[in-house]
C-alpha atoms as a PDB file:
ATOM      1  CA  MET A   1     186.791-118.253 -27.034  1.00  0.00           C
ATOM      2  CA  THR A   2     188.105-114.838 -28.082  1.00  0.00           C
ATOM      3  CA  SER A   3     186.021-112.707 -30.465  1.00  0.00           C
ATOM      4  CA  THR A   4     189.090-111.459 -32.374  1.00  0.00           C
ATOM      5  CA  PRO A   5     191.643-114.009 -33.632  1.00  0.00           C
ATOM      6  CA  PRO A   6     194.827-113.743 -31.550  1.00  0.00           C
ATOM      7  CA  VAL A   7     196.917-114.321 -34.671  1.00  0.00           C
ATOM      8  CA  THR A   8     196.347-113.521 -38.362  1.00  0.00           C
ATOM      9  CA  LEU A   9     198.121-114.206 -41.632  1.00  0.00           C
ATOM     10  CA  GLU A  10     199.522-110.688 -41.507  1.00  0.00           C
ATOM     11  CA  ASP A  11     200.937-111.410 -38.032  1.00  0.00           C
ATOM     12  CA  VAL A  12     202.685-114.487 -39.433  1.00  0.00           C
ATOM     13  CA  ARG A  13     204.086-112.476 -42.321  1.00  0.00           C
ATOM     14  CA  ASP A  14     205.266-109.801 -39.873  1.00  0.00           C
ATOM     15  CA  ALA A  15     206.922-112.512 -37.776  1.00  0.00           C
ATOM     16  CA  ALA A  16     208.698-113.820 -40.875  1.00  0.00           C
ATOM     17  CA  ALA A  17     210.216-110.375 -41.417  1.00  0.00           C
ATOM     18  CA  GLN A  18     211.093-110.069 -37.710  1.00  0.00           C
ATOM     19  CA  ILE A  19     213.015-113.359 -37.534  1.00  0.00           C
ATOM     20  CA  GLU A  20     214.687-113.114 -40.954  1.00  0.00           C
ATOM     21  CA  GLY A  21     218.413-113.474 -40.525  1.00  0.00           C
ATOM     22  CA  ALA A  22     218.046-114.945 -37.038  1.00  0.00           C
ATOM     23  CA  ALA A  23     216.089-118.139 -37.758  1.00  0.00           C
ATOM     24  CA  HIS A  24     217.020-120.591 -40.503  1.00  0.00           C
ATOM     25  CA  ARG A  25     214.818-121.034 -43.535  1.00  0.00           C
ATOM     26  CA  THR A  26     214.801-124.806 -43.191  1.00  0.00           C
ATOM     27  CA  PRO A  27     214.803-127.168 -46.179  1.00  0.00           C
ATOM     28  CA  VAL A  28     211.831-129.070 -47.580  1.00  0.00           C
ATOM     29  CA  LEU A  29     212.735-132.732 -48.028  1.00  0.00           C
ATOM     30  CA  ARG A  30     211.276-135.117 -50.631  1.00  0.00           C
ATOM     31  CA  SER A  31     211.686-138.896 -50.900  1.00  0.00           C
ATOM     32  CA  ARG A  32     210.383-141.213 -53.615  1.00  0.00           C
ATOM     33  CA  THR A  33     210.650-144.071 -51.128  1.00  0.00           C
ATOM     34  CA  LEU A  34     208.412-142.237 -48.678  1.00  0.00           C
ATOM     35  CA  ASP A  35     205.929-141.284 -51.398  1.00  0.00           C
ATOM     36  CA  SER A  36     205.751-144.927 -52.451  1.00  0.00           C
ATOM     37  CA  LEU A  37     205.216-146.161 -48.892  1.00  0.00           C
ATOM     38  CA  VAL A  38     202.496-143.631 -48.222  1.00  0.00           C
ATOM     39  CA  GLY A  39     200.833-143.552 -51.620  1.00  0.00           C
ATOM     40  CA  ALA A  40     200.897-139.757 -51.738  1.00  0.00           C
ATOM     41  CA  GLU A  41     203.287-136.896 -52.445  1.00  0.00           C
ATOM     42  CA  VAL A  42     204.854-135.906 -49.120  1.00  0.00           C
ATOM     43  CA  LEU A  43     206.839-132.722 -48.487  1.00  0.00           C
ATOM     44  CA  LEU A  44     208.715-132.633 -45.173  1.00  0.00           C
ATOM     45  CA  LYS A  45     209.480-129.264 -43.548  1.00  0.00           C
ATOM     46  CA  CYS A  46     212.674-130.002 -41.636  1.00  0.00           C
ATOM     47  CA  GLU A  47     212.421-127.971 -38.458  1.00  0.00           C
ATOM     48  CA  ASN A  48     214.777-130.491 -36.869  1.00  0.00           C
ATOM     49  CA  LEU A  49     217.396-128.415 -38.690  1.00  0.00           C
ATOM     50  CA  GLN A  50     216.220-125.140 -37.174  1.00  0.00           C
ATOM     51  CA  ARG A  51     218.462-123.250 -34.749  1.00  0.00           C
ATOM     52  CA  ALA A  52     218.275-124.799 -31.282  1.00  0.00           C
ATOM     53  CA  GLY A  53     217.020-127.938 -33.008  1.00  0.00           C
ATOM     54  CA  ALA A  54     213.307-127.199 -33.316  1.00  0.00           C
ATOM     55  CA  PHE A  55     210.633-124.854 -34.658  1.00  0.00           C
ATOM     56  CA  LYS A  56     210.444-123.241 -31.210  1.00  0.00           C
ATOM     57  CA  PHE A  57     213.209-120.763 -32.027  1.00  0.00           C
ATOM     58  CA  ARG A  58     210.892-119.025 -34.487  1.00  0.00           C
ATOM     59  CA  GLY A  59     208.353-118.050 -31.851  1.00  0.00           C
ATOM     60  CA  ALA A  60     210.851-117.455 -29.069  1.00  0.00           C
ATOM     61  CA  TYR A  61     212.904-115.020 -31.133  1.00  0.00           C
ATOM     62  CA  ASN A  62     209.828-113.292 -32.530  1.00  0.00           C
ATOM     63  CA  ALA A  63     208.564-112.651 -28.988  1.00  0.00           C
ATOM     64  CA  ALA A  64     211.866-111.873 -27.280  1.00  0.00           C
ATOM     65  CA  SER A  65     213.130-109.524 -29.991  1.00  0.00           C
ATOM     66  CA  ARG A  66     210.070-107.306 -29.504  1.00  0.00           C
ATOM     67  CA  LEU A  67     210.731-106.658 -25.806  1.00  0.00           C
ATOM     68  CA  SER A  68     211.705-103.182 -24.697  1.00  0.00           C
ATOM     69  CA  PRO A  69     215.303-102.389 -23.690  1.00  0.00           C
ATOM     70  CA  GLU A  70     214.118-102.230 -20.062  1.00  0.00           C
ATOM     71  CA  GLN A  71     212.546-105.686 -20.264  1.00  0.00           C
ATOM     72  CA  LEU A  72     215.630-107.131 -21.901  1.00  0.00           C
ATOM     73  CA  ALA A  73     217.821-105.603 -19.207  1.00  0.00           C
ATOM     74  CA  ARG A  74     215.817-107.412 -16.513  1.00  0.00           C
ATOM     75  CA  GLY A  75     215.829-110.773 -18.296  1.00  0.00           C
ATOM     76  CA  ILE A  76     213.429-113.452 -19.514  1.00  0.00           C
ATOM     77  CA  ALA A  77     211.761-116.418 -17.835  1.00  0.00           C
ATOM     78  CA  THR A  78     209.898-119.419 -19.195  1.00  0.00           C
ATOM     79  CA  TYR A  79     208.878-123.004 -18.472  1.00  0.00           C
ATOM     80  CA  SER A  80     209.385-125.827 -20.934  1.00  0.00           C
ATOM     81  CA  SER A  81     209.951-129.542 -21.360  1.00  0.00           C
ATOM     82  CA  GLY A  82     212.963-128.792 -23.513  1.00  0.00           C
ATOM     83  CA  ASN A  83     212.691-127.293 -26.984  1.00  0.00           C
ATOM     84  CA  HIS A  84     211.136-123.969 -25.985  1.00  0.00           C
ATOM     85  CA  ALA A  85     213.688-123.805 -23.179  1.00  0.00           C
ATOM     86  CA  GLN A  86     216.545-124.094 -25.635  1.00  0.00           C
ATOM     87  CA  ALA A  87     214.907-121.619 -27.998  1.00  0.00           C
ATOM     88  CA  VAL A  88     214.404-118.978 -25.301  1.00  0.00           C
ATOM     89  CA  ALA A  89     217.928-119.510 -23.994  1.00  0.00           C
ATOM     90  CA  LEU A  90     219.387-119.005 -27.474  1.00  0.00           C
ATOM     91  CA  ALA A  91     217.157-116.007 -28.195  1.00  0.00           C
ATOM     92  CA  ALA A  92     218.219-114.422 -24.894  1.00  0.00           C
ATOM     93  CA  TRP A  93     221.876-114.991 -25.750  1.00  0.00           C
ATOM     94  CA  GLU A  94     221.393-113.495 -29.233  1.00  0.00           C
ATOM     95  CA  LEU A  95     219.694-110.428 -27.741  1.00  0.00           C
ATOM     96  CA  GLY A  96     222.252-109.899 -24.984  1.00  0.00           C
ATOM     97  CA  THR A  97     219.996-110.754 -22.065  1.00  0.00           C
ATOM     98  CA  THR A  98     219.624-113.584 -19.552  1.00  0.00           C
ATOM     99  CA  ALA A  99     217.117-116.409 -19.220  1.00  0.00           C
ATOM    100  CA  VAL A 100     215.855-118.375 -16.221  1.00  0.00           C
ATOM    101  CA  ILE A 101     214.046-121.540 -17.215  1.00  0.00           C
ATOM    102  CA  LEU A 102     211.865-123.975 -15.291  1.00  0.00           C
ATOM    103  CA  MET A 103     212.219-127.516 -16.649  1.00  0.00           C
ATOM    104  CA  PRO A 104     210.833-130.916 -15.592  1.00  0.00           C
ATOM    105  CA  GLU A 105     213.176-133.081 -13.549  1.00  0.00           C
ATOM    106  CA  ASP A 106     212.848-135.871 -16.116  1.00  0.00           C
ATOM    107  CA  THR A 107     213.731-133.722 -19.130  1.00  0.00           C
ATOM    108  CA  PRO A 108     216.096-135.650 -21.429  1.00  0.00           C
ATOM    109  CA  ARG A 109     219.681-134.891 -20.466  1.00  0.00           C
ATOM    110  CA  SER A 110     220.561-133.687 -23.953  1.00  0.00           C
ATOM    111  CA  LYS A 111     217.924-130.942 -23.706  1.00  0.00           C
ATOM    112  CA  LEU A 112     219.042-129.887 -20.222  1.00  0.00           C
ATOM    113  CA  GLU A 113     222.663-129.693 -21.325  1.00  0.00           C
ATOM    114  CA  ALA A 114     221.841-127.789 -24.500  1.00  0.00           C
ATOM    115  CA  THR A 115     219.756-125.243 -22.590  1.00  0.00           C
ATOM    116  CA  ALA A 116     222.515-124.715 -20.057  1.00  0.00           C
ATOM    117  CA  GLY A 117     224.985-124.473 -22.919  1.00  0.00           C
ATOM    118  CA  TYR A 118     223.197-121.377 -24.207  1.00  0.00           C
ATOM    119  CA  GLY A 119     223.836-119.736 -20.830  1.00  0.00           C
ATOM    120  CA  ALA A 120     220.428-120.127 -19.174  1.00  0.00           C
ATOM    121  CA  GLU A 121     219.879-120.691 -15.473  1.00  0.00           C
ATOM    122  CA  ILE A 122     217.828-123.873 -15.003  1.00  0.00           C
ATOM    123  CA  LEU A 123     215.431-124.678 -12.178  1.00  0.00           C
ATOM    124  CA  THR A 124     213.609-128.024 -12.099  1.00  0.00           C
ATOM    125  CA  TYR A 125     210.225-129.273 -10.919  1.00  0.00           C
ATOM    126  CA  ASP A 126     208.212-132.502 -10.887  1.00  0.00           C
ATOM    127  CA  ARG A 127     205.936-132.439 -13.949  1.00  0.00           C
ATOM    128  CA  TYR A 128     203.567-134.977 -12.359  1.00  0.00           C
ATOM    129  CA  THR A 129     202.894-132.972  -9.188  1.00  0.00           C
ATOM    130  CA  GLY A 130     203.835-129.366 -10.001  1.00  0.00           C
ATOM    131  CA  ASP A 131     201.862-126.714 -11.913  1.00  0.00           C
ATOM    132  CA  ARG A 132     204.428-125.243 -14.276  1.00  0.00           C
ATOM    133  CA  VAL A 133     202.253-122.277 -15.241  1.00  0.00           C
ATOM    134  CA  ALA A 134     201.833-121.240 -11.608  1.00  0.00           C
ATOM    135  CA  LEU A 135     205.476-121.946 -10.796  1.00  0.00           C
ATOM    136  CA  GLY A 136     206.700-120.062 -13.862  1.00  0.00           C
ATOM    137  CA  GLY A 137     204.489-117.071 -13.132  1.00  0.00           C
ATOM    138  CA  ALA A 138     205.687-116.924  -9.545  1.00  0.00           C
ATOM    139  CA  LEU A 139     209.320-117.158 -10.658  1.00  0.00           C
ATOM    140  CA  ALA A 140     208.933-114.301 -13.135  1.00  0.00           C
ATOM    141  CA  ALA A 141     207.140-112.112 -10.587  1.00  0.00           C
ATOM    142  CA  GLU A 142     209.667-112.793  -7.850  1.00  0.00           C
ATOM    143  CA  ARG A 143     212.645-111.903 -10.021  1.00  0.00           C
ATOM    144  CA  GLY A 144     211.046-109.173 -12.127  1.00  0.00           C
ATOM    145  CA  LEU A 145     211.501-111.101 -15.359  1.00  0.00           C
ATOM    146  CA  THR A 146     209.378-111.068 -18.517  1.00  0.00           C
ATOM    147  CA  LEU A 147     207.646-114.410 -18.987  1.00  0.00           C
ATOM    148  CA  ILE A 148     207.609-115.815 -22.522  1.00  0.00           C
ATOM    149  CA  PRO A 149     205.324-118.883 -22.359  1.00  0.00           C
ATOM    150  CA  PRO A 150     205.737-121.852 -24.709  1.00  0.00           C
ATOM    151  CA  TYR A 151     202.544-121.249 -26.712  1.00  0.00           C
ATOM    152  CA  GLU A 152     200.042-118.925 -25.016  1.00  0.00           C
ATOM    153  CA  HIS A 153     201.257-115.761 -26.713  1.00  0.00           C
ATOM    154  CA  PRO A 154     200.316-114.163 -30.061  1.00  0.00           C
ATOM    155  CA  HIS A 155     203.946-113.559 -31.030  1.00  0.00           C
ATOM    156  CA  ILE A 156     204.803-117.184 -30.256  1.00  0.00           C
ATOM    157  CA  MET A 157     201.968-118.494 -32.421  1.00  0.00           C
ATOM    158  CA  ALA A 158     202.801-116.090 -35.252  1.00  0.00           C
ATOM    159  CA  GLY A 159     206.468-117.074 -35.138  1.00  0.00           C
ATOM    160  CA  GLN A 160     205.672-120.782 -35.227  1.00  0.00           C
ATOM    161  CA  GLY A 161     203.385-120.176 -38.206  1.00  0.00           C
ATOM    162  CA  THR A 162     206.337-119.045 -40.295  1.00  0.00           C
ATOM    163  CA  ALA A 163     207.304-122.720 -40.729  1.00  0.00           C
ATOM    164  CA  ALA A 164     204.086-123.370 -42.669  1.00  0.00           C
ATOM    165  CA  LEU A 165     204.424-120.053 -44.483  1.00  0.00           C
ATOM    166  CA  GLU A 166     207.852-121.056 -45.788  1.00  0.00           C
ATOM    167  CA  LEU A 167     206.680-124.560 -46.663  1.00  0.00           C
ATOM    168  CA  ILE A 168     203.815-123.299 -48.806  1.00  0.00           C
ATOM    169  CA  GLU A 169     205.959-120.603 -50.411  1.00  0.00           C
ATOM    170  CA  GLU A 170     208.377-123.322 -51.536  1.00  0.00           C
ATOM    171  CA  ALA A 171     206.019-126.246 -52.178  1.00  0.00           C
ATOM    172  CA  GLY A 172     203.038-124.423 -53.633  1.00  0.00           C
ATOM    173  CA  GLU A 173     199.578-125.973 -53.492  1.00  0.00           C
ATOM    174  CA  LEU A 174     199.019-128.578 -50.778  1.00  0.00           C
ATOM    175  CA  ASP A 175     195.922-130.637 -50.081  1.00  0.00           C
ATOM    176  CA  ALA A 176     196.752-131.049 -46.394  1.00  0.00           C
ATOM    177  CA  LEU A 177     199.156-129.871 -43.718  1.00  0.00           C
ATOM    178  CA  VAL A 178     200.022-132.314 -40.912  1.00  0.00           C
ATOM    179  CA  ALA A 179     201.637-131.032 -37.722  1.00  0.00           C
ATOM    180  CA  PRO A 180     202.154-132.278 -34.162  1.00  0.00           C
ATOM    181  CA  VAL A 181     200.091-130.839 -31.312  1.00  0.00           C
ATOM    182  CA  GLY A 182     201.316-130.218 -27.786  1.00  0.00           C
ATOM    183  CA  GLY A 183     200.093-126.955 -26.323  1.00  0.00           C
ATOM    184  CA  GLY A 184     198.867-126.008 -29.789  1.00  0.00           C
ATOM    185  CA  GLY A 185     201.090-123.082 -30.754  1.00  0.00           C
ATOM    186  CA  LEU A 186     202.689-124.670 -33.811  1.00  0.00           C
ATOM    187  CA  ILE A 187     199.448-125.860 -35.335  1.00  0.00           C
ATOM    188  CA  ALA A 188     197.622-122.620 -34.463  1.00  0.00           C
ATOM    189  CA  GLY A 189     200.193-120.500 -36.264  1.00  0.00           C
ATOM    190  CA  SER A 190     200.567-123.016 -39.073  1.00  0.00           C
ATOM    191  CA  ALA A 191     196.812-123.312 -39.608  1.00  0.00           C
ATOM    192  CA  THR A 192     196.530-119.525 -39.685  1.00  0.00           C
ATOM    193  CA  ALA A 193     199.206-119.300 -42.373  1.00  0.00           C
ATOM    194  CA  ALA A 194     198.016-122.319 -44.343  1.00  0.00           C
ATOM    195  CA  LYS A 195     194.330-121.418 -44.487  1.00  0.00           C
ATOM    196  CA  GLY A 196     195.151-117.785 -45.134  1.00  0.00           C
ATOM    197  CA  LEU A 197     197.162-118.796 -48.203  1.00  0.00           C
ATOM    198  CA  LEU A 198     195.227-121.920 -49.258  1.00  0.00           C
ATOM    199  CA  PRO A 199     191.613-121.676 -48.039  1.00  0.00           C
ATOM    200  CA  GLY A 200     190.801-125.223 -49.173  1.00  0.00           C
ATOM    201  CA  ILE A 201     193.662-126.943 -47.367  1.00  0.00           C
ATOM    202  CA  ARG A 202     192.929-129.487 -44.620  1.00  0.00           C
ATOM    203  CA  VAL A 203     194.883-128.973 -41.410  1.00  0.00           C
ATOM    204  CA  ILE A 204     195.508-132.189 -39.479  1.00  0.00           C
ATOM    205  CA  GLY A 205     196.891-132.245 -35.956  1.00  0.00           C
ATOM    206  CA  VAL A 206     198.706-135.243 -34.477  1.00  0.00           C
ATOM    207  CA  GLU A 207     198.740-136.155 -30.788  1.00  0.00           C
ATOM    208  CA  PRO A 208     200.147-139.168 -28.933  1.00  0.00           C
ATOM    209  CA  GLU A 209     197.512-141.721 -27.950  1.00  0.00           C
ATOM    210  CA  ALA A 210     198.308-141.086 -24.296  1.00  0.00           C
ATOM    211  CA  GLY A 211     197.984-137.299 -24.650  1.00  0.00           C
ATOM    212  CA  ASP A 212     194.863-136.484 -26.674  1.00  0.00           C
ATOM    213  CA  ASP A 213     193.737-133.378 -24.765  1.00  0.00           C
ATOM    214  CA  THR A 214     193.176-131.316 -27.917  1.00  0.00           C
ATOM    215  CA  ARG A 215     191.205-134.075 -29.665  1.00  0.00           C
ATOM    216  CA  ARG A 216     188.964-134.457 -26.618  1.00  0.00           C
ATOM    217  CA  SER A 217     188.567-130.694 -26.337  1.00  0.00           C
ATOM    218  CA  LEU A 218     187.525-130.339 -29.969  1.00  0.00           C
ATOM    219  CA  GLU A 219     184.992-133.137 -29.530  1.00  0.00           C
ATOM    220  CA  ALA A 220     183.654-131.560 -26.333  1.00  0.00           C
ATOM    221  CA  GLY A 221     183.511-128.053 -27.799  1.00  0.00           C
ATOM    222  CA  GLY A 222     185.623-126.671 -24.962  1.00  0.00           C
ATOM    223  CA  ARG A 223     188.962-127.183 -23.253  1.00  0.00           C
ATOM    224  CA  VAL A 224     189.263-130.353 -21.196  1.00  0.00           C
ATOM    225  CA  SER A 225     192.114-131.626 -19.044  1.00  0.00           C
ATOM    226  CA  ILE A 226     193.645-135.080 -18.877  1.00  0.00           C
ATOM    227  CA  PRO A 227     196.218-136.648 -16.522  1.00  0.00           C
ATOM    228  CA  VAL A 228     199.841-135.824 -17.340  1.00  0.00           C
ATOM    229  CA  PRO A 229     200.541-138.020 -20.395  1.00  0.00           C
ATOM    230  CA  ARG A 230     203.233-140.679 -20.269  1.00  0.00           C
ATOM    231  CA  THR A 231     204.678-140.905 -23.765  1.00  0.00           C
ATOM    232  CA  ILE A 232     208.094-140.904 -25.416  1.00  0.00           C
ATOM    233  CA  ALA A 233     206.931-137.716 -27.184  1.00  0.00           C
ATOM    234  CA  ASP A 234     207.720-135.503 -24.180  1.00  0.00           C
ATOM    235  CA  GLY A 235     207.218-132.304 -26.169  1.00  0.00           C
ATOM    236  CA  LEU A 236     203.597-133.276 -26.849  1.00  0.00           C
ATOM    237  CA  ALA A 237     202.761-134.261 -23.268  1.00  0.00           C
ATOM    238  CA  ALA A 238     200.237-131.489 -22.621  1.00  0.00           C
ATOM    239  CA  GLU A 239     197.407-131.824 -20.110  1.00  0.00           C
ATOM    240  CA  THR A 240     195.153-129.042 -21.411  1.00  0.00           C
ATOM    241  CA  PRO A 241     195.142-127.028 -24.642  1.00  0.00           C
ATOM    242  CA  GLY A 242     196.097-123.397 -24.283  1.00  0.00           C
ATOM    243  CA  GLU A 243     193.231-120.926 -24.145  1.00  0.00           C
ATOM    244  CA  LEU A 244     194.545-118.769 -26.974  1.00  0.00           C
ATOM    245  CA  THR A 245     195.755-121.672 -29.063  1.00  0.00           C
ATOM    246  CA  PHE A 246     192.457-123.530 -28.675  1.00  0.00           C
ATOM    247  CA  SER A 247     190.516-120.455 -29.764  1.00  0.00           C
ATOM    248  CA  VAL A 248     192.408-120.703 -33.062  1.00  0.00           C
ATOM    249  CA  ASN A 249     192.497-124.468 -33.401  1.00  0.00           C
ATOM    250  CA  ARG A 250     188.789-125.028 -32.832  1.00  0.00           C
ATOM    251  CA  ARG A 251     188.170-122.801 -35.881  1.00  0.00           C
ATOM    252  CA  LEU A 252     190.949-123.898 -38.196  1.00  0.00           C
ATOM    253  CA  VAL A 253     192.004-127.466 -37.402  1.00  0.00           C
ATOM    254  CA  ASP A 254     189.962-129.991 -39.365  1.00  0.00           C
ATOM    255  CA  GLU A 255     190.918-133.169 -37.567  1.00  0.00           C
ATOM    256  CA  ILE A 256     193.147-134.612 -34.843  1.00  0.00           C
ATOM    257  CA  VAL A 257     194.614-138.081 -35.354  1.00  0.00           C
ATOM    258  CA  LEU A 258     196.459-140.180 -32.780  1.00  0.00           C
ATOM    259  CA  VAL A 259     199.717-142.124 -32.964  1.00  0.00           C
ATOM    260  CA  GLY A 260     201.228-144.591 -30.529  1.00  0.00           C
ATOM    261  CA  ASP A 261     204.783-144.712 -29.255  1.00  0.00           C
ATOM    262  CA  ASP A 262     205.575-147.695 -31.489  1.00  0.00           C
ATOM    263  CA  GLY A 263     204.478-145.764 -34.565  1.00  0.00           C
ATOM    264  CA  ILE A 264     206.616-142.827 -33.511  1.00  0.00           C
ATOM    265  CA  ARG A 265     209.637-145.118 -33.141  1.00  0.00           C
ATOM    266  CA  GLU A 266     209.106-146.496 -36.635  1.00  0.00           C
ATOM    267  CA  ALA A 267     208.883-142.981 -38.065  1.00  0.00           C
ATOM    268  CA  MET A 268     212.149-142.065 -36.340  1.00  0.00           C
ATOM    269  CA  ARG A 269     213.756-145.183 -37.766  1.00  0.00           C
ATOM    270  CA  LEU A 270     212.558-144.504 -41.302  1.00  0.00           C
ATOM    271  CA  ALA A 271     213.678-140.878 -41.120  1.00  0.00           C
ATOM    272  CA  PHE A 272     217.128-142.006 -40.011  1.00  0.00           C
ATOM    273  CA  GLU A 273     217.611-145.011 -42.284  1.00  0.00           C
ATOM    274  CA  ARG A 274     215.898-143.864 -45.477  1.00  0.00           C
ATOM    275  CA  LEU A 275     215.744-140.055 -45.269  1.00  0.00           C
ATOM    276  CA  LYS A 276     219.099-139.609 -43.507  1.00  0.00           C
ATOM    277  CA  THR A 277     217.706-137.176 -40.956  1.00  0.00           C
ATOM    278  CA  VAL A 278     217.365-137.354 -37.170  1.00  0.00           C
ATOM    279  CA  VAL A 279     214.079-136.469 -35.491  1.00  0.00           C
ATOM    280  CA  GLU A 280     213.103-136.699 -31.843  1.00  0.00           C
ATOM    281  CA  PRO A 281     209.867-138.485 -30.850  1.00  0.00           C
ATOM    282  CA  SER A 282     207.732-135.340 -30.840  1.00  0.00           C
ATOM    283  CA  GLY A 283     209.268-134.291 -34.132  1.00  0.00           C
ATOM    284  CA  ALA A 284     208.396-137.639 -35.719  1.00  0.00           C
ATOM    285  CA  ALA A 285     204.718-137.681 -34.708  1.00  0.00           C
ATOM    286  CA  ALA A 286     203.336-136.087 -37.879  1.00  0.00           C
ATOM    287  CA  LEU A 287     205.404-138.417 -40.061  1.00  0.00           C
ATOM    288  CA  ALA A 288     204.191-141.377 -37.983  1.00  0.00           C
ATOM    289  CA  ALA A 289     200.599-140.409 -38.705  1.00  0.00           C
ATOM    290  CA  VAL A 290     201.142-140.230 -42.449  1.00  0.00           C
ATOM    291  CA  LEU A 291     202.981-143.560 -42.443  1.00  0.00           C
ATOM    292  CA  ALA A 292     199.967-145.064 -40.659  1.00  0.00           C
ATOM    293  CA  GLY A 293     197.669-143.785 -43.399  1.00  0.00           C
ATOM    294  CA  LEU A 294     196.210-140.999 -41.282  1.00  0.00           C
ATOM    295  CA  PRO A 295     194.148-139.062 -41.988  1.00  0.00           C
ATOM    296  CA  ASP A 296     192.098-141.635 -43.870  1.00  0.00           C
ATOM    297  CA  PRO A 297     191.821-141.220 -46.808  1.00  0.00           C
ATOM    298  CA  LEU A 298     195.170-139.560 -47.374  1.00  0.00           C
ATOM    299  CA  PRO A 299     195.133-136.441 -49.558  1.00  0.00           C
ATOM    300  CA  SER A 300     197.284-136.457 -52.693  1.00  0.00           C
ATOM    301  CA  ARG A 301     199.817-133.775 -51.710  1.00  0.00           C
ATOM    302  CA  ILE A 302     200.721-133.448 -48.062  1.00  0.00           C
ATOM    303  CA  GLY A 303     202.962-131.068 -46.151  1.00  0.00           C
ATOM    304  CA  VAL A 304     204.405-132.585 -42.953  1.00  0.00           C
ATOM    305  CA  ILE A 305     206.252-130.651 -40.262  1.00  0.00           C
ATOM    306  CA  LEU A 306     209.179-132.506 -38.675  1.00  0.00           C
ATOM    307  CA  SER A 307     209.100-130.276 -35.638  1.00  0.00           C
ATOM    308  CA  GLY A 308     212.367-131.060 -33.882  1.00  0.00           C
ATOM    309  CA  GLY A 309     215.522-133.134 -33.666  1.00  0.00           C
ATOM    310  CA  ASN A 310     216.733-132.667 -30.104  1.00  0.00           C
ATOM    311  CA  ILE A 311     217.694-136.149 -29.001  1.00  0.00           C
ATOM    312  CA  GLY A 312     220.989-137.562 -27.762  1.00  0.00           C
ATOM    313  CA  ALA A 313     222.657-140.573 -29.353  1.00  0.00           C
ATOM    314  CA  GLN A 314     222.111-142.808 -26.322  1.00  0.00           C
ATOM    315  CA  ARG A 315     218.412-141.981 -26.036  1.00  0.00           C
ATOM    316  CA  PHE A 316     217.953-142.414 -29.780  1.00  0.00           C
ATOM    317  CA  ALA A 317     219.544-145.871 -29.635  1.00  0.00           C
ATOM    318  CA  GLU A 318     217.492-146.847 -26.591  1.00  0.00           C
ATOM    319  CA  LEU A 319     214.203-145.893 -28.263  1.00  0.00           C
ATOM    320  CA  LEU A 320     215.036-147.812 -31.422  1.00  0.00           C
ATOM    321  CA  GLY A 321     216.278-150.837 -29.528  1.00  0.00           C
ATOM    322  CA  GLY A 322     219.878-150.416 -30.511  1.00  0.00           C
END
């Protein structure tokens, strides 16, 4: 655990200024139908409508845009299951540099194609046998590239926190903020912003039942590892919380709740049929929790981050049984 917080409210505010004009200020969606189903006032921060289809662009651009001209000339590297890959690829394109990205072999085709479409070079690995951190570090060192990791970076966490900053600026007082948890960057930045602005707010993280590494780590009082999760929420399939992110989340996250794949599917269906918005499985996790009445009891006014919408039509239909 670090003695000095790796990210502060001022860092999040600085990130908001840094990404202004590059990242979208995404809408906050309300639905009386949803409020009635849940029994609370729910405000959805639609990061599925962010550039590159997910909140990840916030952190990626915040980090990449701060690199020196020499670093940008050499290029960027990262590893990602999909959304951070797309975000880094787009940020690199915006900044006139190149990106080399390590992605799992079983990454959904839509995410692979989108990443390649932004001009990135893609290398693949087996997520169940390969160590992406070691492989990504070796790749960056071999090619002389600057590595921008998916969450273990102060500028990444600060950038991701701008989603919560915007939500609270627009929505005002909230009793709780609910966000999905993979490596922990989104909730670390969001918790920093939320508790900096609203000290009494409860911050609730959501993990898939098969991938509860952060919940177990919080209960154990230290980072623990689990087998590679098998869940439709591929963006939340982390094995171990990040060191930096966990140092924030163990202080600021009040509770982790779990959702199953079936609950995630139902949240995707409701978002599509009733809210007229498309979310991918990872992006629907926080909504799935609220629909399941989690946390229990539900606070009166809840902010929920729909973290991403990167899913192809065929995969969407398959998951919903269409």
